[in-house]
Amino acid sequence: MGVHYEYYRAADRVSATVRPEHTRVIGVLSRGVPEFDVVETKWIDPEVCLGKLVAFASEVDYSADLVETVELYPPPEGAPHALPEDFPYRDGPAIVELLVNVRDVLAGVDDARLPALAEQWAAIEEFSRFTYDDDGYTLSLVKDLVGLARRAKENDQLLYCWMCV
């Protein structure tokens, strides 16, 4: 099981939250779900795991507030205080907007740094439960996230994260 995180780019919050109950990976135009440019991950949350990648890319110490997000869905206003077990505010899906600095830091990483950055990121505590990264998955994921950030910046878009248990 686990939490699925889908990082994607969109022109604005309205575009980013179209049909928020649907995954961003597969567009279903007949159902009003647009196609998004997506990097699909599992376990790579915005605040900690992605935050550590951003810290390494920025060459700064990691802090919990390094990757700030804005909750877009479910909307924070009007959220109930006591939640039933099956309520969507409890286990998703959810959408957050990543602030522009995250996009710009990732978009600005020099390609020559990507292998070392991936190696550094693969060593974080949160990845310790996984086997050795001998298949190059971490480098591939870093390249995908950096590429997504570059495309977002080129198109004057922001990054978003759709997540669901």
Foldseek 3Di string as FASTA:
>chain_A
DAKKKKKWWDADLVLVCFVLQDDQPDADVVVPRHHTLIDIDGLQDQQPLLQVLLCVLVVHDGDSPSWDKAWDPPDPPPDDPDDDPPDQVPFDFTKIFTDLSSLVSLLPRDPVCLVVSLVVSCPDPSNVVDDDPPVCPSSVSSVSSSVNSNVCVVVVITMMMTMGD
